[in-house]
Amino acid sequence: MRCRDCKVDLPDNYTACPLCGAKTHADAPSIPGIRYSECPKVKTEKYSPNPFPIFLGIWAVCAIVSIALLKTGILTAAPAYAIICGVAFAWTLIGRPLWVKQLYIGNFAVMNIWPMALGCALFGDLNVEVGGGFAMYAPVCCVIVLSVLFGIVLAQPTHAKRAAPYCVLFAAGSVAAVIAVAIKYGIFAPAWLFVVLAAGIILAFLLIKHRRATIDELKAKFSIQ
């Protein structure tokens, strides 16, 4: 059998081309007497849905309920904030490590610890004056995580390029935070600029030491042609 679209010869029992799915034809092989080998069977694993949206939904509901109870006076600030942080900590420290296989410390730090700290600070800041969690403590957490990420970059130079997209996201998120605080509270939050500076230092280091790999990683992650 032969696929006229792909121009490949196939065994006689193939009614469709495994490459393109087109119908095969009983044409003579391009090489007389050629022997064919069957394609090996591929072992597939059961698809596991991403649990993060489920966690995010549960966390949002808990946050909204806790803040509502706080505003009505049923809860005080401490237990309301404990509920919000507790759900996030449970996912970050227990749920994700048990669910995700081959969990790398860099990915874990950036994709879980940072959003957890930032989110908890943001929800906590809804009932306190600016200058509290979101304006000051969250940037400190971000700088700490970026420092850990820089250590990982130095310790694992073969995987250093993977840190580049995280640096871009940190910097973009920090600029967005400065704008959000300025619009909502009418003040400038300079602490977030240290996050932009830390992310910029790591990105500059990557562009100097691993220029081509870093640029290719950024293009691939952000779908830049």
N, C-alpha and C. Protein backbone atom coordinates (compact mmCIF):
# COMPACT_ATOMS: atom_id res chain seq x y z
N MET A 1 0.85 -1.20 0.00
CA MET A 1 0.00 0.00 0.00
C MET A 1 0.89 1.25 0.00
N ARG A 2 0.33 2.33 -0.51
CA ARG A 2 1.11 3.56 -0.61
C ARG A 2 0.22 4.78 -0.35
N CYS A 3 0.77 5.75 0.39
CA CYS A 3 0.08 7.02 0.60
C CYS A 3 0.56 7.98 -0.48
N ARG A 4 -0.35 8.43 -1.30
CA ARG A 4 0.02 9.32 -2.39
C ARG A 4 0.27 10.76 -1.93
N ASP A 5 -0.23 11.07 -0.73
CA ASP A 5 -0.01 12.42 -0.20
C ASP A 5 1.37 12.55 0.44
N CYS A 6 1.72 11.56 1.27
CA CYS A 6 3.01 11.60 1.97
C CYS A 6 4.14 10.96 1.17
N LYS A 7 3.78 10.23 0.10
CA LYS A 7 4.77 9.55 -0.74
C LYS A 7 5.56 8.50 0.04
N VAL A 8 4.87 7.73 0.89
CA VAL A 8 5.52 6.69 1.66
C VAL A 8 4.86 5.35 1.38
N ASP A 9 5.66 4.28 1.46
CA ASP A 9 5.16 2.92 1.29
C ASP A 9 4.79 2.35 2.64
N LEU A 10 3.69 1.60 2.67
CA LEU A 10 3.17 1.04 3.90
C LEU A 10 2.86 -0.43 3.72
N PRO A 11 2.79 -1.21 4.83
CA PRO A 11 2.42 -2.62 4.72
C PRO A 11 1.03 -2.79 4.11
N ASP A 12 0.73 -3.99 3.63
CA ASP A 12 -0.52 -4.25 2.92
C ASP A 12 -1.76 -4.08 3.79
N ASN A 13 -1.62 -4.25 5.11
CA ASN A 13 -2.80 -4.18 5.98
C ASN A 13 -3.18 -2.76 6.37
N TYR A 14 -2.46 -1.75 5.89
CA TYR A 14 -2.76 -0.35 6.21
C TYR A 14 -3.79 0.19 5.22
N THR A 15 -4.95 0.58 5.74
CA THR A 15 -5.98 1.19 4.90
C THR A 15 -5.96 2.71 4.95
N ALA A 16 -5.24 3.25 5.93
CA ALA A 16 -5.10 4.70 6.07
C ALA A 16 -3.66 5.01 6.45
N CYS A 17 -3.19 6.14 6.02
CA CYS A 17 -1.81 6.55 6.31
C CYS A 17 -1.70 6.98 7.77
N PRO A 18 -0.74 6.42 8.54
CA PRO A 18 -0.60 6.81 9.94
C PRO A 18 -0.04 8.22 10.11
N LEU A 19 0.46 8.82 9.04
CA LEU A 19 1.03 10.16 9.13
C LEU A 19 -0.01 11.25 8.91
N CYS A 20 -0.82 11.08 7.86
CA CYS A 20 -1.78 12.13 7.53
C CYS A 20 -3.24 11.67 7.59
N GLY A 21 -3.46 10.36 7.69
CA GLY A 21 -4.82 9.84 7.77
C GLY A 21 -5.49 9.64 6.44
N ALA A 22 -4.78 9.93 5.33
CA ALA A 22 -5.38 9.77 4.02
C ALA A 22 -5.53 8.29 3.65
N LYS A 23 -6.45 8.00 2.75
CA LYS A 23 -6.67 6.63 2.30
C LYS A 23 -5.47 6.16 1.49
N THR A 24 -5.07 4.90 1.74
CA THR A 24 -3.93 4.34 1.02
C THR A 24 -4.40 3.69 -0.28
N HIS A 25 -3.45 3.48 -1.17
CA HIS A 25 -3.75 2.91 -2.48
C HIS A 25 -2.82 1.73 -2.74
N ALA A 26 -3.32 0.78 -3.52
CA ALA A 26 -2.55 -0.44 -3.81
C ALA A 26 -1.55 -0.19 -4.93
N ASP A 27 -0.69 0.79 -4.74
CA ASP A 27 0.34 1.09 -5.72
C ASP A 27 1.58 0.23 -5.46
N ALA A 28 2.34 0.04 -6.48
CA ALA A 28 3.60 -0.70 -6.31
C ALA A 28 4.57 0.13 -5.48
N PRO A 29 5.35 -0.51 -4.61
CA PRO A 29 6.31 0.25 -3.78
C PRO A 29 7.37 0.90 -4.65
N SER A 30 7.90 2.01 -4.17
CA SER A 30 8.93 2.73 -4.92
C SER A 30 10.22 1.91 -5.00
N ILE A 31 10.45 1.06 -3.98
CA ILE A 31 11.63 0.19 -3.98
C ILE A 31 11.12 -1.25 -4.00
N PRO A 32 11.32 -1.99 -5.08
CA PRO A 32 10.82 -3.37 -5.16
C PRO A 32 11.44 -4.26 -4.08
N GLY A 33 10.59 -5.09 -3.47
CA GLY A 33 11.07 -6.03 -2.45
C GLY A 33 11.37 -5.40 -1.11
N ILE A 34 10.94 -4.16 -0.89
CA ILE A 34 11.23 -3.51 0.37
C ILE A 34 10.48 -4.19 1.52
N ARG A 35 11.12 -4.25 2.68
CA ARG A 35 10.51 -4.85 3.87
C ARG A 35 10.08 -3.73 4.81
N TYR A 36 8.93 -3.93 5.43
CA TYR A 36 8.37 -2.89 6.30
C TYR A 36 8.45 -3.33 7.76
N SER A 37 8.53 -2.38 8.61
CA SER A 37 8.48 -2.66 10.05
C SER A 37 7.25 -1.96 10.62
N GLU A 38 6.58 -2.64 11.54
CA GLU A 38 5.40 -2.07 12.15
C GLU A 38 5.78 -0.95 13.11
N CYS A 39 4.92 0.03 13.21
CA CYS A 39 5.16 1.11 14.17
C CYS A 39 5.02 0.56 15.59
N PRO A 40 5.93 0.91 16.49
CA PRO A 40 5.83 0.40 17.87
C PRO A 40 4.59 0.95 18.56
N LYS A 41 4.05 0.17 19.48
CA LYS A 41 2.90 0.62 20.25
C LYS A 41 3.35 1.66 21.28
N VAL A 42 2.59 2.70 21.39
CA VAL A 42 2.91 3.78 22.30
C VAL A 42 2.09 3.63 23.58
N LYS A 43 2.78 3.64 24.70
CA LYS A 43 2.10 3.54 25.99
C LYS A 43 1.60 4.92 26.38
N THR A 44 0.32 5.03 26.58
CA THR A 44 -0.28 6.32 26.94
C THR A 44 -0.75 6.28 28.39
N GLU A 45 -0.66 7.43 29.04
CA GLU A 45 -1.13 7.56 30.41
C GLU A 45 -2.47 8.28 30.44
N LYS A 46 -3.24 7.97 31.44
CA LYS A 46 -4.54 8.59 31.59
C LYS A 46 -4.39 10.09 31.81
N TYR A 47 -5.19 10.85 31.09
CA TYR A 47 -5.11 12.30 31.20
C TYR A 47 -5.57 12.77 32.58
N SER A 48 -4.74 13.63 33.18
CA SER A 48 -5.08 14.19 34.49
C SER A 48 -5.39 15.66 34.32
N PRO A 49 -6.59 16.10 34.63
CA PRO A 49 -6.94 17.52 34.47
C PRO A 49 -6.14 18.39 35.42
N ASN A 50 -5.94 19.63 35.03
CA ASN A 50 -5.21 20.58 35.85
C ASN A 50 -6.06 20.98 37.06
N PRO A 51 -5.59 20.73 38.27
CA PRO A 51 -6.42 21.03 39.45
C PRO A 51 -6.36 22.49 39.87
N PHE A 52 -5.48 23.28 39.25
CA PHE A 52 -5.31 24.66 39.70
C PHE A 52 -6.59 25.48 39.61
N PRO A 53 -7.38 25.40 38.50
CA PRO A 53 -8.63 26.17 38.46
C PRO A 53 -9.59 25.80 39.59
N ILE A 54 -9.59 24.50 39.98
CA ILE A 54 -10.46 24.09 41.09
C ILE A 54 -10.01 24.74 42.38
N PHE A 55 -8.69 24.70 42.61
CA PHE A 55 -8.15 25.34 43.80
C PHE A 55 -8.45 26.83 43.80
N LEU A 56 -8.26 27.47 42.63
CA LEU A 56 -8.49 28.91 42.54
C LEU A 56 -9.94 29.26 42.85
N GLY A 57 -10.87 28.43 42.39
CA GLY A 57 -12.28 28.66 42.67
C GLY A 57 -12.59 28.53 44.16
N ILE A 58 -12.06 27.46 44.77
CA ILE A 58 -12.27 27.26 46.22
C ILE A 58 -11.67 28.42 47.00
N TRP A 59 -10.47 28.83 46.61
CA TRP A 59 -9.79 29.92 47.31
C TRP A 59 -10.57 31.22 47.18
N ALA A 60 -11.08 31.51 45.98
CA ALA A 60 -11.84 32.74 45.77
C ALA A 60 -13.11 32.75 46.62
N VAL A 61 -13.81 31.61 46.67
CA VAL A 61 -15.03 31.53 47.49
C VAL A 61 -14.70 31.75 48.96
N CYS A 62 -13.64 31.09 49.45
CA CYS A 62 -13.24 31.26 50.85
C CYS A 62 -12.87 32.71 51.14
N ALA A 63 -12.16 33.33 50.19
CA ALA A 63 -11.75 34.72 50.38
C ALA A 63 -12.95 35.65 50.44
N ILE A 64 -13.88 35.47 49.52
CA ILE A 64 -15.06 36.33 49.47
C ILE A 64 -15.91 36.17 50.73
N VAL A 65 -16.12 34.91 51.14
CA VAL A 65 -16.91 34.64 52.36
C VAL A 65 -16.22 35.22 53.58
N SER A 66 -14.90 35.03 53.67
CA SER A 66 -14.16 35.53 54.84
C SER A 66 -14.22 37.05 54.91
N ILE A 67 -14.04 37.71 53.78
CA ILE A 67 -14.08 39.18 53.77
C ILE A 67 -15.49 39.68 54.09
N ALA A 68 -16.51 38.97 53.57
CA ALA A 68 -17.89 39.36 53.87
C ALA A 68 -18.18 39.22 55.36
N LEU A 69 -17.74 38.11 55.96
CA LEU A 69 -17.94 37.93 57.40
C LEU A 69 -17.15 38.95 58.21
N LEU A 70 -15.98 39.33 57.67
CA LEU A 70 -15.18 40.35 58.35
C LEU A 70 -15.89 41.70 58.32
N LYS A 71 -16.45 42.05 57.18
CA LYS A 71 -17.13 43.34 57.04
C LYS A 71 -18.39 43.42 57.90
N THR A 72 -19.06 42.28 58.10
CA THR A 72 -20.28 42.27 58.91
C THR A 72 -19.98 42.15 60.40
N GLY A 73 -18.73 41.92 60.74
CA GLY A 73 -18.35 41.84 62.14
C GLY A 73 -18.47 40.46 62.75
N ILE A 74 -18.86 39.45 61.98
CA ILE A 74 -18.98 38.10 62.51
C ILE A 74 -17.59 37.53 62.81
N LEU A 75 -16.63 37.82 61.95
CA LEU A 75 -15.25 37.41 62.16
C LEU A 75 -14.38 38.63 62.39
N THR A 76 -13.33 38.43 63.15
CA THR A 76 -12.33 39.48 63.29
C THR A 76 -11.28 39.29 62.20
N ALA A 77 -10.35 40.22 62.11
CA ALA A 77 -9.37 40.19 61.02
C ALA A 77 -8.49 38.93 61.06
N ALA A 78 -8.10 38.50 62.27
CA ALA A 78 -7.17 37.38 62.39
C ALA A 78 -7.74 36.07 61.82
N PRO A 79 -8.93 35.62 62.25
CA PRO A 79 -9.45 34.36 61.69
C PRO A 79 -9.81 34.46 60.21
N ALA A 80 -10.29 35.63 59.77
CA ALA A 80 -10.62 35.80 58.35
C ALA A 80 -9.37 35.67 57.49
N TYR A 81 -8.33 36.32 57.91
CA TYR A 81 -7.07 36.25 57.17
C TYR A 81 -6.45 34.86 57.26
N ALA A 82 -6.63 34.19 58.41
CA ALA A 82 -6.11 32.83 58.58
C ALA A 82 -6.77 31.85 57.62
N ILE A 83 -8.06 32.04 57.37
CA ILE A 83 -8.78 31.16 56.42
C ILE A 83 -8.23 31.36 55.01
N ILE A 84 -8.06 32.62 54.62
CA ILE A 84 -7.57 32.93 53.28
C ILE A 84 -6.16 32.35 53.08
N CYS A 85 -5.29 32.61 54.05
CA CYS A 85 -3.91 32.12 53.94
C CYS A 85 -3.86 30.60 54.08
N GLY A 86 -4.73 30.03 54.95
CA GLY A 86 -4.69 28.59 55.17
C GLY A 86 -4.99 27.79 53.93
N VAL A 87 -5.99 28.21 53.16
CA VAL A 87 -6.33 27.50 51.93
C VAL A 87 -5.17 27.57 50.94
N ALA A 88 -4.56 28.74 50.82
CA ALA A 88 -3.43 28.91 49.90
C ALA A 88 -2.23 28.08 50.33
N PHE A 89 -1.94 28.08 51.63
CA PHE A 89 -0.81 27.29 52.13
C PHE A 89 -1.06 25.80 51.94
N ALA A 90 -2.29 25.35 52.14
CA ALA A 90 -2.61 23.93 51.98
C ALA A 90 -2.35 23.48 50.54
N TRP A 91 -2.76 24.31 49.58
CA TRP A 91 -2.51 23.97 48.17
C TRP A 91 -1.01 24.01 47.86
N THR A 92 -0.34 25.08 48.29
CA THR A 92 1.05 25.28 47.93
C THR A 92 1.97 24.22 48.54
N LEU A 93 1.77 23.93 49.80
CA LEU A 93 2.69 23.06 50.50
C LEU A 93 2.28 21.59 50.50
N ILE A 94 1.01 21.29 50.24
CA ILE A 94 0.53 19.90 50.29
C ILE A 94 -0.08 19.47 48.96
N GLY A 95 -1.05 20.23 48.47
CA GLY A 95 -1.81 19.81 47.28
C GLY A 95 -0.98 19.68 46.03
N ARG A 96 -0.26 20.73 45.65
CA ARG A 96 0.51 20.67 44.41
C ARG A 96 1.66 19.67 44.46
N PRO A 97 2.47 19.61 45.52
CA PRO A 97 3.53 18.59 45.55
C PRO A 97 3.00 17.16 45.42
N LEU A 98 1.81 16.88 45.96
CA LEU A 98 1.25 15.53 45.86
C LEU A 98 0.66 15.26 44.47
N TRP A 99 0.18 16.30 43.81
CA TRP A 99 -0.52 16.13 42.53
C TRP A 99 0.44 16.09 41.35
N VAL A 100 1.43 16.99 41.36
CA VAL A 100 2.29 17.18 40.20
C VAL A 100 3.54 16.31 40.32
N LYS A 101 3.83 15.56 39.26
CA LYS A 101 5.04 14.75 39.22
C LYS A 101 6.20 15.60 38.69
N GLN A 102 7.41 15.23 39.11
CA GLN A 102 8.62 15.93 38.67
C GLN A 102 8.51 17.43 38.93
N LEU A 103 8.23 17.78 40.17
CA LEU A 103 8.05 19.18 40.54
C LEU A 103 9.41 19.82 40.78
N TYR A 104 9.79 20.78 39.95
CA TYR A 104 11.07 21.44 40.07
C TYR A 104 10.96 22.61 41.02
N ILE A 105 12.01 22.83 41.81
CA ILE A 105 11.95 23.85 42.86
C ILE A 105 11.77 25.25 42.27
N GLY A 106 12.38 25.51 41.10
CA GLY A 106 12.22 26.83 40.50
C GLY A 106 10.79 27.09 40.09
N ASN A 107 10.18 26.12 39.42
CA ASN A 107 8.79 26.25 39.02
C ASN A 107 7.88 26.35 40.23
N PHE A 108 8.17 25.56 41.26
CA PHE A 108 7.36 25.58 42.47
C PHE A 108 7.41 26.94 43.15
N ALA A 109 8.62 27.51 43.24
CA ALA A 109 8.79 28.80 43.92
C ALA A 109 8.07 29.91 43.17
N VAL A 110 8.23 29.94 41.86
CA VAL A 110 7.69 31.06 41.08
C VAL A 110 6.20 30.92 40.86
N MET A 111 5.75 29.71 40.54
CA MET A 111 4.35 29.52 40.15
C MET A 111 3.42 29.27 41.35
N ASN A 112 3.97 29.04 42.53
CA ASN A 112 3.12 28.75 43.68
C ASN A 112 3.37 29.65 44.88
N ILE A 113 4.62 29.72 45.33
CA ILE A 113 4.91 30.50 46.53
C ILE A 113 4.67 31.98 46.27
N TRP A 114 5.11 32.48 45.10
CA TRP A 114 4.92 33.90 44.81
C TRP A 114 3.45 34.26 44.67
N PRO A 115 2.65 33.54 43.87
CA PRO A 115 1.22 33.90 43.80
C PRO A 115 0.52 33.78 45.15
N MET A 116 0.94 32.78 45.95
CA MET A 116 0.33 32.61 47.26
C MET A 116 0.59 33.83 48.14
N ALA A 117 1.85 34.25 48.20
CA ALA A 117 2.19 35.42 49.02
C ALA A 117 1.53 36.68 48.50
N LEU A 118 1.56 36.84 47.19
CA LEU A 118 0.96 38.04 46.59
C LEU A 118 -0.56 38.06 46.78
N GLY A 119 -1.18 36.92 46.56
CA GLY A 119 -2.64 36.84 46.70
C GLY A 119 -3.09 37.06 48.12
N CYS A 120 -2.40 36.43 49.07
CA CYS A 120 -2.77 36.61 50.48
C CYS A 120 -2.60 38.07 50.90
N ALA A 121 -1.52 38.69 50.44
CA ALA A 121 -1.31 40.09 50.79
C ALA A 121 -2.38 40.97 50.18
N LEU A 122 -2.77 40.65 48.94
CA LEU A 122 -3.79 41.46 48.26
C LEU A 122 -5.13 41.34 48.97
N PHE A 123 -5.54 40.11 49.31
CA PHE A 123 -6.80 39.93 50.01
C PHE A 123 -6.76 40.57 51.40
N GLY A 124 -5.62 40.45 52.05
CA GLY A 124 -5.50 41.06 53.36
C GLY A 124 -5.55 42.58 53.29
N ASP A 125 -5.05 43.13 52.20
CA ASP A 125 -5.00 44.58 52.05
C ASP A 125 -6.37 45.18 51.76
N LEU A 126 -7.37 44.34 51.48
CA LEU A 126 -8.69 44.86 51.20
C LEU A 126 -9.34 45.47 52.45
N ASN A 127 -8.83 45.11 53.62
CA ASN A 127 -9.45 45.66 54.83
C ASN A 127 -8.45 46.43 55.70
N VAL A 128 -7.31 46.82 55.12
CA VAL A 128 -6.35 47.66 55.86
C VAL A 128 -5.92 48.79 54.95
N GLU A 129 -5.28 49.77 55.55
CA GLU A 129 -4.80 50.90 54.77
C GLU A 129 -3.62 50.46 53.90
N VAL A 130 -3.45 51.10 52.75
CA VAL A 130 -2.31 50.82 51.90
C VAL A 130 -1.04 51.18 52.67
N GLY A 131 0.01 50.46 52.41
CA GLY A 131 1.21 50.55 53.23
C GLY A 131 1.34 49.26 54.02
N GLY A 132 0.29 48.45 53.95
CA GLY A 132 0.32 47.14 54.60
C GLY A 132 0.82 46.08 53.65
N GLY A 133 0.04 44.96 53.57
CA GLY A 133 0.50 43.79 52.84
C GLY A 133 0.88 44.01 51.40
N PHE A 134 -0.07 44.50 50.59
CA PHE A 134 0.16 44.57 49.16
C PHE A 134 1.23 45.59 48.80
N ALA A 135 1.30 46.68 49.53
CA ALA A 135 2.24 47.74 49.18
C ALA A 135 3.66 47.46 49.62
N MET A 136 3.84 46.69 50.72
CA MET A 136 5.18 46.52 51.27
C MET A 136 5.60 45.06 51.40
N TYR A 137 4.75 44.22 52.00
CA TYR A 137 5.17 42.86 52.31
C TYR A 137 5.25 41.98 51.06
N ALA A 138 4.31 42.15 50.15
CA ALA A 138 4.33 41.34 48.93
C ALA A 138 5.59 41.59 48.10
N PRO A 139 6.03 42.86 47.91
CA PRO A 139 7.28 43.06 47.17
C PRO A 139 8.48 42.39 47.83
N VAL A 140 8.51 42.40 49.15
CA VAL A 140 9.61 41.72 49.85
C VAL A 140 9.60 40.23 49.54
N CYS A 141 8.41 39.62 49.55
CA CYS A 141 8.30 38.20 49.21
C CYS A 141 8.77 37.94 47.79
N CYS A 142 8.42 38.84 46.88
CA CYS A 142 8.82 38.68 45.48
C CYS A 142 10.33 38.76 45.32
N VAL A 143 10.96 39.69 46.02
CA VAL A 143 12.42 39.83 45.93
C VAL A 143 13.10 38.59 46.51
N ILE A 144 12.56 38.05 47.58
CA ILE A 144 13.13 36.83 48.17
C ILE A 144 13.04 35.67 47.19
N VAL A 145 11.88 35.51 46.56
CA VAL A 145 11.71 34.43 45.58
C VAL A 145 12.64 34.63 44.39
N LEU A 146 12.80 35.85 43.93
CA LEU A 146 13.71 36.12 42.83
C LEU A 146 15.16 35.83 43.22
N SER A 147 15.50 36.08 44.46
CA SER A 147 16.85 35.76 44.93
C SER A 147 17.09 34.26 44.91
N VAL A 148 16.07 33.50 45.34
CA VAL A 148 16.17 32.04 45.27
C VAL A 148 16.29 31.59 43.83
N LEU A 149 15.50 32.21 42.95
CA LEU A 149 15.55 31.86 41.53
C LEU A 149 16.93 32.14 40.94
N PHE A 150 17.55 33.23 41.34
CA PHE A 150 18.89 33.55 40.85
C PHE A 150 19.90 32.50 41.31
N GLY A 151 19.74 32.03 42.54
CA GLY A 151 20.60 30.96 43.03
C GLY A 151 20.45 29.69 42.21
N ILE A 152 19.20 29.39 41.83
CA ILE A 152 18.93 28.21 41.00
C ILE A 152 19.57 28.39 39.62
N VAL A 153 19.50 29.59 39.08
CA VAL A 153 20.11 29.88 37.77
C VAL A 153 21.61 29.63 37.82
N LEU A 154 22.25 30.07 38.90
CA LEU A 154 23.69 29.87 39.03
C LEU A 154 24.05 28.41 39.25
N ALA A 155 23.19 27.68 39.97
CA ALA A 155 23.47 26.28 40.28
C ALA A 155 23.15 25.35 39.11
N GLN A 156 22.23 25.74 38.24
CA GLN A 156 21.81 24.89 37.11
C GLN A 156 21.92 25.67 35.80
N PRO A 157 23.14 25.91 35.32
CA PRO A 157 23.31 26.73 34.11
C PRO A 157 22.66 26.11 32.87
N THR A 158 22.52 24.78 32.83
CA THR A 158 21.91 24.15 31.65
C THR A 158 20.43 24.44 31.55
N HIS A 159 19.80 24.76 32.67
CA HIS A 159 18.37 25.06 32.68
C HIS A 159 18.11 26.54 32.97
N ALA A 160 19.14 27.37 32.90
CA ALA A 160 19.01 28.77 33.29
C ALA A 160 18.00 29.53 32.45
N LYS A 161 17.91 29.17 31.16
CA LYS A 161 17.02 29.91 30.26
C LYS A 161 15.57 29.87 30.72
N ARG A 162 15.18 28.83 31.47
CA ARG A 162 13.80 28.70 31.90
C ARG A 162 13.37 29.82 32.84
N ALA A 163 14.33 30.49 33.45
CA ALA A 163 14.00 31.57 34.39
C ALA A 163 13.58 32.85 33.69
N ALA A 164 13.92 32.99 32.41
CA ALA A 164 13.66 34.24 31.69
C ALA A 164 12.17 34.62 31.66
N PRO A 165 11.25 33.72 31.29
CA PRO A 165 9.84 34.11 31.28
C PRO A 165 9.32 34.53 32.65
N TYR A 166 9.82 33.87 33.71
CA TYR A 166 9.38 34.22 35.05
C TYR A 166 9.82 35.65 35.39
N CYS A 167 11.02 36.02 34.97
CA CYS A 167 11.49 37.39 35.24
C CYS A 167 10.62 38.41 34.53
N VAL A 168 10.24 38.12 33.30
CA VAL A 168 9.36 39.03 32.56
C VAL A 168 8.01 39.16 33.27
N LEU A 169 7.46 38.04 33.74
CA LEU A 169 6.17 38.07 34.43
C LEU A 169 6.27 38.82 35.76
N PHE A 170 7.37 38.62 36.48
CA PHE A 170 7.58 39.35 37.73
C PHE A 170 7.60 40.85 37.47
N ALA A 171 8.38 41.25 36.47
CA ALA A 171 8.51 42.68 36.18
C ALA A 171 7.19 43.27 35.72
N ALA A 172 6.50 42.57 34.81
CA ALA A 172 5.22 43.07 34.32
C ALA A 172 4.19 43.15 35.44
N GLY A 173 4.14 42.11 36.30
CA GLY A 173 3.21 42.13 37.43
C GLY A 173 3.50 43.24 38.41
N SER A 174 4.79 43.56 38.60
CA SER A 174 5.16 44.62 39.53
C SER A 174 4.77 45.99 39.00
N VAL A 175 4.97 46.20 37.70
CA VAL A 175 4.54 47.46 37.09
C VAL A 175 3.02 47.61 37.19
N ALA A 176 2.31 46.50 36.94
CA ALA A 176 0.85 46.53 37.08
C ALA A 176 0.43 46.85 38.51
N ALA A 177 1.18 46.33 39.50
CA ALA A 177 0.87 46.60 40.90
C ALA A 177 1.06 48.06 41.24
N VAL A 178 2.14 48.67 40.72
CA VAL A 178 2.37 50.10 40.96
C VAL A 178 1.22 50.93 40.39
N ILE A 179 0.78 50.57 39.18
CA ILE A 179 -0.32 51.31 38.55
C ILE A 179 -1.62 51.12 39.32
N ALA A 180 -1.88 49.88 39.76
CA ALA A 180 -3.12 49.59 40.49
C ALA A 180 -3.17 50.35 41.81
N VAL A 181 -2.05 50.37 42.54
CA VAL A 181 -2.00 51.09 43.82
C VAL A 181 -2.18 52.60 43.59
N ALA A 182 -1.55 53.10 42.52
CA ALA A 182 -1.66 54.54 42.23
C ALA A 182 -3.09 54.92 41.89
N ILE A 183 -3.78 54.05 41.13
CA ILE A 183 -5.16 54.35 40.74
C ILE A 183 -6.11 54.23 41.93
N LYS A 184 -5.94 53.17 42.73
CA LYS A 184 -6.87 52.92 43.82
C LYS A 184 -6.65 53.85 45.01
N TYR A 185 -5.36 54.09 45.36
CA TYR A 185 -5.08 54.85 46.58
C TYR A 185 -4.48 56.22 46.31
N GLY A 186 -4.10 56.48 45.07
CA GLY A 186 -3.54 57.78 44.74
C GLY A 186 -2.14 58.02 45.26
N ILE A 187 -1.40 56.93 45.55
CA ILE A 187 -0.03 57.08 46.03
C ILE A 187 0.89 56.18 45.20
N PHE A 188 2.17 56.46 45.29
CA PHE A 188 3.18 55.70 44.56
C PHE A 188 3.77 54.65 45.49
N ALA A 189 3.90 53.40 45.01
CA ALA A 189 4.43 52.30 45.82
C ALA A 189 5.82 51.94 45.33
N PRO A 190 6.86 52.60 45.84
CA PRO A 190 8.22 52.39 45.32
C PRO A 190 8.79 51.01 45.60
N ALA A 191 8.24 50.29 46.60
CA ALA A 191 8.78 48.97 46.94
C ALA A 191 8.72 48.01 45.76
N TRP A 192 7.71 48.17 44.90
CA TRP A 192 7.56 47.27 43.76
C TRP A 192 8.66 47.47 42.73
N LEU A 193 9.30 48.64 42.73
CA LEU A 193 10.37 48.89 41.77
C LEU A 193 11.59 48.01 42.07
N PHE A 194 11.76 47.61 43.33
CA PHE A 194 12.85 46.70 43.67
C PHE A 194 12.63 45.32 43.04
N VAL A 195 11.37 44.94 42.90
CA VAL A 195 11.05 43.67 42.22
C VAL A 195 11.42 43.78 40.75
N VAL A 196 11.07 44.91 40.13
CA VAL A 196 11.44 45.12 38.73
C VAL A 196 12.95 45.10 38.57
N LEU A 197 13.68 45.72 39.50
CA LEU A 197 15.14 45.76 39.45
C LEU A 197 15.73 44.35 39.58
N ALA A 198 15.22 43.57 40.54
CA ALA A 198 15.73 42.21 40.75
C ALA A 198 15.47 41.34 39.52
N ALA A 199 14.27 41.43 38.97
CA ALA A 199 13.95 40.65 37.76
C ALA A 199 14.81 41.10 36.59
N GLY A 200 15.07 42.41 36.49
CA GLY A 200 15.90 42.92 35.41
C GLY A 200 17.34 42.45 35.50
N ILE A 201 17.86 42.35 36.72
CA ILE A 201 19.24 41.88 36.92
C ILE A 201 19.38 40.43 36.46
N ILE A 202 18.42 39.58 36.83
CA ILE A 202 18.46 38.18 36.42
C ILE A 202 18.35 38.06 34.91
N LEU A 203 17.42 38.82 34.32
CA LEU A 203 17.22 38.75 32.87
C LEU A 203 18.46 39.25 32.13
N ALA A 204 19.09 40.31 32.64
CA ALA A 204 20.32 40.81 32.02
C ALA A 204 21.44 39.78 32.10
N PHE A 205 21.53 39.10 33.23
CA PHE A 205 22.54 38.05 33.39
C PHE A 205 22.32 36.92 32.39
N LEU A 206 21.06 36.53 32.21
CA LEU A 206 20.74 35.46 31.27
C LEU A 206 21.06 35.87 29.83
N LEU A 207 20.76 37.12 29.49
CA LEU A 207 21.02 37.60 28.14
C LEU A 207 22.50 37.72 27.85
N ILE A 208 23.30 37.93 28.89
CA ILE A 208 24.75 38.02 28.71
C ILE A 208 25.39 36.63 28.64
N LYS A 209 24.97 35.74 29.53
CA LYS A 209 25.61 34.42 29.62
C LYS A 209 24.99 33.40 28.67
N HIS A 210 23.69 33.49 28.43
CA HIS A 210 22.99 32.50 27.60
C HIS A 210 22.07 33.23 26.63
N ARG A 211 22.63 34.10 25.82
CA ARG A 211 21.83 35.01 25.00
C ARG A 211 20.87 34.27 24.06
N ARG A 212 21.40 33.40 23.21
CA ARG A 212 20.57 32.74 22.20
C ARG A 212 19.50 31.86 22.84
N ALA A 213 19.89 31.06 23.84
CA ALA A 213 18.93 30.17 24.50
C ALA A 213 17.84 30.96 25.21
N THR A 214 18.21 32.08 25.82
CA THR A 214 17.24 32.90 26.54
C THR A 214 16.25 33.54 25.58
N ILE A 215 16.75 34.08 24.47
CA ILE A 215 15.86 34.70 23.48
C ILE A 215 14.90 33.67 22.89
N ASP A 216 15.41 32.49 22.58
CA ASP A 216 14.56 31.43 22.04
C ASP A 216 13.50 31.00 23.06
N GLU A 217 13.86 30.96 24.33
CA GLU A 217 12.90 30.59 25.37
C GLU A 217 11.80 31.64 25.50
N LEU A 218 12.17 32.89 25.45
CA LEU A 218 11.17 33.96 25.54
C LEU A 218 10.24 33.94 24.34
N LYS A 219 10.78 33.71 23.16
CA LYS A 219 9.96 33.65 21.96
C LYS A 219 8.98 32.48 22.03
N ALA A 220 9.48 31.34 22.53
CA ALA A 220 8.62 30.15 22.61
C ALA A 220 7.52 30.32 23.66
N LYS A 221 7.85 30.89 24.81
CA LYS A 221 6.88 31.04 25.89
C LYS A 221 5.80 32.07 25.57
N PHE A 222 6.20 33.12 24.87
CA PHE A 222 5.25 34.21 24.59
C PHE A 222 4.79 34.20 23.13
N SER A 223 5.07 33.10 22.43
CA SER A 223 4.60 32.90 21.05
C SER A 223 4.98 34.05 20.14
N ILE A 224 6.24 34.43 20.20
CA ILE A 224 6.77 35.50 19.35
C ILE A 224 7.46 34.86 18.15
N GLN A 225 7.07 35.27 16.95
CA GLN A 225 7.67 34.72 15.74
C GLN A 225 9.00 35.42 15.44
